[in-house]
Every structure is written in structure tokens, then in C-alpha cells.
Amino acid sequence: MTALLLANWRPRQRPGLRCLRWVALGSLLGLGLWIHPMSAIYSAAIGYVIWLSLPEWRLLYGQAQRLCERNLRVPFQALSLPTTAVLAALGILSFFM
């Protein structure tokens, strides 16, 4: 898993290495899933972090923040913790049911 994080770490943006980085990421994921199937959970967590760092997510976050402040008159950060707790509880309940 450390190799996956190092393959995806971008200290500087080099356009020529982007394709190589994705090939390395896919190869390491495939090798990890082949050797240890439980690594799918770690891969999902890494994918989630990559997904949250996309510019589209920042745009969606800004829209949700404006919507909460305009319609609910509650800061978006105040709703983040309860929403996360409810979604985590639903995920745990769905796993055990």
C-alpha cells in the first residue's frame, strides 16, 4: 500500500509521467488484489481520497455550502459531522444486516 501512495504522490506536475503513474498504480493494485484480496478495501480508501481531491468535488462542495447557508441558514461544516455519523452508522448496519 505504501507503494501505491508513492506512485500517486505528485510533488510536481509533469505531464509526461502522468500516464506512467496510472500504469504503475494499476499494476500495483492488480498485484495487490492478486496476492491479498483484502487489499480491495485499502484500494477503495485510496480511490476515495483521489476522488475527493478532484476539482469537481471542490465545485460540488462550494455549491452545497452555498445551498446550506442560503436555505438552512446553518454553516455547512456544522452539518458535516452529523451527516458523516449517520452515513457511517448506515454503512455499519447494512454490513451486519
N, C-alpha and C. Protein backbone atom coordinates (compact mmCIF):
# COMPACT_ATOMS: atom_id res chain seq x y z
N MET A 1 0.81 -1.19 0.00
CA MET A 1 0.00 0.00 0.00
C MET A 1 0.86 1.26 0.00
N THR A 2 2.01 1.19 0.62
CA THR A 2 2.91 2.34 0.60
C THR A 2 3.36 2.63 -0.81
N ALA A 3 3.59 1.58 -1.59
CA ALA A 3 4.00 1.79 -2.98
C ALA A 3 2.89 2.46 -3.78
N LEU A 4 1.63 2.13 -3.48
CA LEU A 4 0.51 2.79 -4.16
C LEU A 4 0.48 4.28 -3.85
N LEU A 5 0.68 4.60 -2.58
CA LEU A 5 0.67 6.01 -2.21
C LEU A 5 1.83 6.76 -2.84
N LEU A 6 3.00 6.13 -2.89
CA LEU A 6 4.15 6.78 -3.52
C LEU A 6 3.97 6.92 -5.02
N ALA A 7 3.30 5.96 -5.65
CA ALA A 7 3.06 6.06 -7.09
C ALA A 7 2.08 7.17 -7.42
N ASN A 8 1.19 7.48 -6.51
CA ASN A 8 0.18 8.50 -6.76
C ASN A 8 0.58 9.87 -6.22
N TRP A 9 1.64 9.94 -5.45
CA TRP A 9 2.08 11.20 -4.88
C TRP A 9 2.67 12.08 -5.97
N ARG A 10 2.24 13.35 -6.00
CA ARG A 10 2.68 14.27 -7.05
C ARG A 10 3.36 15.49 -6.45
N PRO A 11 4.66 15.45 -6.25
CA PRO A 11 5.31 16.66 -5.75
C PRO A 11 5.34 17.77 -6.79
N ARG A 12 5.51 17.39 -8.05
CA ARG A 12 5.48 18.36 -9.16
C ARG A 12 4.66 17.76 -10.28
N GLN A 13 4.00 18.62 -11.02
CA GLN A 13 3.19 18.16 -12.15
C GLN A 13 4.07 18.00 -13.38
N ARG A 14 4.27 16.80 -13.81
CA ARG A 14 4.99 16.53 -15.05
C ARG A 14 4.05 15.80 -15.98
N PRO A 15 3.68 16.41 -17.10
CA PRO A 15 2.69 15.78 -17.98
C PRO A 15 3.15 14.46 -18.58
N GLY A 16 4.43 14.27 -18.77
CA GLY A 16 4.92 13.04 -19.38
C GLY A 16 4.83 11.84 -18.45
N LEU A 17 4.85 12.08 -17.14
CA LEU A 17 4.82 10.98 -16.19
C LEU A 17 3.40 10.60 -15.75
N ARG A 18 2.40 11.33 -16.21
CA ARG A 18 1.03 11.06 -15.78
C ARG A 18 0.58 9.67 -16.22
N CYS A 19 0.84 9.32 -17.47
CA CYS A 19 0.45 8.00 -17.98
C CYS A 19 1.22 6.90 -17.27
N LEU A 20 2.50 7.12 -17.05
CA LEU A 20 3.31 6.13 -16.35
C LEU A 20 2.82 5.95 -14.91
N ARG A 21 2.40 7.03 -14.29
CA ARG A 21 1.88 6.96 -12.93
C ARG A 21 0.61 6.11 -12.86
N TRP A 22 -0.28 6.28 -13.85
CA TRP A 22 -1.51 5.48 -13.87
C TRP A 22 -1.23 4.01 -14.15
N VAL A 23 -0.25 3.74 -15.00
CA VAL A 23 0.13 2.35 -15.27
C VAL A 23 0.71 1.72 -14.01
N ALA A 24 1.56 2.45 -13.31
CA ALA A 24 2.13 1.92 -12.07
C ALA A 24 1.06 1.70 -11.02
N LEU A 25 0.12 2.63 -10.93
CA LEU A 25 -0.97 2.50 -9.97
C LEU A 25 -1.82 1.27 -10.27
N GLY A 26 -2.18 1.08 -11.53
CA GLY A 26 -2.97 -0.08 -11.92
C GLY A 26 -2.23 -1.39 -11.72
N SER A 27 -0.94 -1.39 -12.02
CA SER A 27 -0.15 -2.61 -11.83
C SER A 27 -0.04 -2.97 -10.35
N LEU A 28 0.22 -1.99 -9.53
CA LEU A 28 0.32 -2.26 -8.09
C LEU A 28 -1.01 -2.69 -7.50
N LEU A 29 -2.10 -2.09 -7.95
CA LEU A 29 -3.43 -2.52 -7.49
C LEU A 29 -3.72 -3.95 -7.91
N GLY A 30 -3.44 -4.28 -9.15
CA GLY A 30 -3.67 -5.63 -9.63
C GLY A 30 -2.84 -6.65 -8.89
N LEU A 31 -1.58 -6.34 -8.65
CA LEU A 31 -0.71 -7.24 -7.91
C LEU A 31 -1.20 -7.41 -6.48
N GLY A 32 -1.61 -6.32 -5.87
CA GLY A 32 -2.12 -6.39 -4.50
C GLY A 32 -3.39 -7.22 -4.40
N LEU A 33 -4.30 -7.05 -5.36
CA LEU A 33 -5.54 -7.83 -5.34
C LEU A 33 -5.27 -9.31 -5.62
N TRP A 34 -4.28 -9.59 -6.43
CA TRP A 34 -3.96 -10.98 -6.75
C TRP A 34 -3.31 -11.67 -5.55
N ILE A 35 -2.43 -10.96 -4.86
CA ILE A 35 -1.74 -11.57 -3.72
C ILE A 35 -2.62 -11.61 -2.48
N HIS A 36 -3.32 -10.52 -2.21
CA HIS A 36 -4.11 -10.42 -0.99
C HIS A 36 -5.45 -9.75 -1.30
N PRO A 37 -6.54 -10.52 -1.43
CA PRO A 37 -7.82 -9.94 -1.84
C PRO A 37 -8.37 -8.87 -0.88
N MET A 38 -7.94 -8.89 0.37
CA MET A 38 -8.42 -7.89 1.33
C MET A 38 -7.89 -6.50 0.99
N SER A 39 -6.90 -6.42 0.11
CA SER A 39 -6.37 -5.11 -0.25
C SER A 39 -7.36 -4.29 -1.07
N ALA A 40 -8.48 -4.89 -1.45
CA ALA A 40 -9.51 -4.13 -2.15
C ALA A 40 -10.06 -3.01 -1.27
N ILE A 41 -10.13 -3.24 0.03
CA ILE A 41 -10.61 -2.20 0.95
C ILE A 41 -9.63 -1.04 1.00
N TYR A 42 -8.34 -1.35 1.03
CA TYR A 42 -7.33 -0.29 1.04
C TYR A 42 -7.34 0.47 -0.29
N SER A 43 -7.54 -0.26 -1.36
CA SER A 43 -7.61 0.37 -2.67
C SER A 43 -8.81 1.30 -2.77
N ALA A 44 -9.93 0.88 -2.19
CA ALA A 44 -11.12 1.73 -2.20
C ALA A 44 -10.87 3.01 -1.40
N ALA A 45 -10.16 2.90 -0.29
CA ALA A 45 -9.86 4.09 0.52
C ALA A 45 -8.94 5.05 -0.25
N ILE A 46 -7.95 4.51 -0.95
CA ILE A 46 -7.06 5.35 -1.74
C ILE A 46 -7.83 6.00 -2.89
N GLY A 47 -8.70 5.23 -3.54
CA GLY A 47 -9.53 5.77 -4.60
C GLY A 47 -10.46 6.87 -4.11
N TYR A 48 -10.96 6.72 -2.90
CA TYR A 48 -11.84 7.74 -2.31
C TYR A 48 -11.07 9.04 -2.08
N VAL A 49 -9.86 8.94 -1.61
CA VAL A 49 -9.03 10.13 -1.39
C VAL A 49 -8.72 10.81 -2.72
N ILE A 50 -8.39 10.01 -3.73
CA ILE A 50 -8.12 10.58 -5.06
C ILE A 50 -9.38 11.27 -5.59
N TRP A 51 -10.53 10.64 -5.41
CA TRP A 51 -11.79 11.21 -5.89
C TRP A 51 -12.10 12.53 -5.19
N LEU A 52 -11.84 12.59 -3.88
CA LEU A 52 -12.12 13.82 -3.14
C LEU A 52 -11.16 14.96 -3.50
N SER A 53 -10.03 14.65 -4.10
CA SER A 53 -9.08 15.70 -4.46
C SER A 53 -9.32 16.26 -5.86
N LEU A 54 -10.34 15.78 -6.56
CA LEU A 54 -10.63 16.27 -7.90
C LEU A 54 -11.25 17.67 -7.85
N PRO A 55 -11.06 18.49 -8.87
CA PRO A 55 -11.64 19.84 -8.88
C PRO A 55 -13.17 19.83 -8.89
N GLU A 56 -13.77 18.79 -9.45
CA GLU A 56 -15.23 18.71 -9.48
C GLU A 56 -15.80 18.62 -8.07
N TRP A 57 -15.07 17.93 -7.19
CA TRP A 57 -15.54 17.80 -5.82
C TRP A 57 -15.52 19.16 -5.12
N ARG A 58 -14.51 19.98 -5.40
CA ARG A 58 -14.46 21.32 -4.80
C ARG A 58 -15.64 22.17 -5.27
N LEU A 59 -16.00 22.03 -6.53
CA LEU A 59 -17.15 22.75 -7.06
C LEU A 59 -18.44 22.29 -6.38
N LEU A 60 -18.60 20.98 -6.22
CA LEU A 60 -19.78 20.43 -5.56
C LEU A 60 -19.84 20.85 -4.10
N TYR A 61 -18.69 20.86 -3.43
CA TYR A 61 -18.61 21.29 -2.04
C TYR A 61 -19.02 22.76 -1.90
N GLY A 62 -18.56 23.60 -2.82
CA GLY A 62 -18.93 25.01 -2.78
C GLY A 62 -20.42 25.23 -3.01
N GLN A 63 -21.00 24.46 -3.93
CA GLN A 63 -22.45 24.57 -4.17
C GLN A 63 -23.24 24.11 -2.96
N ALA A 64 -22.81 23.01 -2.34
CA ALA A 64 -23.51 22.53 -1.15
C ALA A 64 -23.39 23.51 0.01
N GLN A 65 -22.23 24.15 0.11
CA GLN A 65 -22.04 25.14 1.16
C GLN A 65 -22.97 26.34 0.96
N ARG A 66 -23.06 26.83 -0.27
CA ARG A 66 -23.97 27.96 -0.55
C ARG A 66 -25.42 27.56 -0.33
N LEU A 67 -25.79 26.35 -0.70
CA LEU A 67 -27.17 25.88 -0.53
C LEU A 67 -27.53 25.80 0.95
N CYS A 68 -26.64 25.28 1.77
CA CYS A 68 -26.91 25.17 3.21
C CYS A 68 -27.03 26.54 3.86
N GLU A 69 -26.13 27.43 3.50
CA GLU A 69 -26.16 28.74 4.13
C GLU A 69 -27.34 29.56 3.67
N ARG A 70 -27.79 29.38 2.43
CA ARG A 70 -28.91 30.16 1.92
C ARG A 70 -30.25 29.60 2.38
N ASN A 71 -30.45 28.28 2.29
CA ASN A 71 -31.76 27.69 2.60
C ASN A 71 -31.91 27.29 4.06
N LEU A 72 -30.88 26.69 4.65
CA LEU A 72 -30.98 26.21 6.02
C LEU A 72 -30.47 27.21 7.04
N ARG A 73 -29.70 28.17 6.59
CA ARG A 73 -29.06 29.18 7.45
C ARG A 73 -28.20 28.52 8.53
N VAL A 74 -27.55 27.43 8.13
CA VAL A 74 -26.65 26.69 9.01
C VAL A 74 -25.34 26.52 8.24
N PRO A 75 -24.20 26.74 8.88
CA PRO A 75 -22.94 26.52 8.18
C PRO A 75 -22.79 25.06 7.75
N PHE A 76 -22.21 24.87 6.60
CA PHE A 76 -22.07 23.52 6.04
C PHE A 76 -21.19 22.65 6.92
N GLN A 77 -20.19 23.24 7.58
CA GLN A 77 -19.29 22.47 8.44
C GLN A 77 -20.04 21.91 9.64
N ALA A 78 -21.10 22.61 10.10
CA ALA A 78 -21.88 22.12 11.23
C ALA A 78 -22.69 20.88 10.85
N LEU A 79 -23.03 20.73 9.58
CA LEU A 79 -23.79 19.56 9.14
C LEU A 79 -22.90 18.40 8.72
N SER A 80 -21.63 18.65 8.54
CA SER A 80 -20.73 17.61 8.05
C SER A 80 -20.58 16.46 9.03
N LEU A 81 -20.37 16.76 10.30
CA LEU A 81 -20.17 15.70 11.29
C LEU A 81 -21.42 14.84 11.48
N PRO A 82 -22.61 15.42 11.69
CA PRO A 82 -23.80 14.56 11.83
C PRO A 82 -24.09 13.74 10.57
N THR A 83 -23.88 14.33 9.40
CA THR A 83 -24.12 13.60 8.16
C THR A 83 -23.15 12.44 8.03
N THR A 84 -21.90 12.66 8.36
CA THR A 84 -20.90 11.59 8.30
C THR A 84 -21.23 10.50 9.30
N ALA A 85 -21.66 10.86 10.50
CA ALA A 85 -22.00 9.87 11.52
C ALA A 85 -23.19 9.02 11.09
N VAL A 86 -24.20 9.65 10.51
CA VAL A 86 -25.38 8.90 10.05
C VAL A 86 -25.01 7.97 8.90
N LEU A 87 -24.22 8.44 7.95
CA LEU A 87 -23.82 7.59 6.83
C LEU A 87 -22.93 6.44 7.29
N ALA A 88 -22.06 6.69 8.25
CA ALA A 88 -21.21 5.61 8.78
C ALA A 88 -22.06 4.58 9.52
N ALA A 89 -23.04 5.03 10.30
CA ALA A 89 -23.93 4.10 11.00
C ALA A 89 -24.73 3.27 10.01
N LEU A 90 -25.23 3.88 8.95
CA LEU A 90 -25.97 3.14 7.94
C LEU A 90 -25.07 2.11 7.24
N GLY A 91 -23.83 2.47 6.97
CA GLY A 91 -22.90 1.54 6.36
C GLY A 91 -22.62 0.35 7.26
N ILE A 92 -22.43 0.61 8.55
CA ILE A 92 -22.17 -0.48 9.51
C ILE A 92 -23.41 -1.35 9.66
N LEU A 93 -24.58 -0.74 9.75
CA LEU A 93 -25.82 -1.52 9.86
C LEU A 93 -26.07 -2.37 8.63
N SER A 94 -25.81 -1.82 7.46
CA SER A 94 -26.02 -2.60 6.24
C SER A 94 -25.02 -3.75 6.13
N PHE A 95 -23.85 -3.60 6.73
CA PHE A 95 -22.87 -4.67 6.70
C PHE A 95 -23.30 -5.84 7.58
N PHE A 96 -23.91 -5.54 8.73
CA PHE A 96 -24.29 -6.59 9.67
C PHE A 96 -25.69 -7.12 9.48
N MET A 97 -26.48 -6.52 8.62
CA MET A 97 -27.85 -7.00 8.46
C MET A 97 -27.99 -7.91 7.29
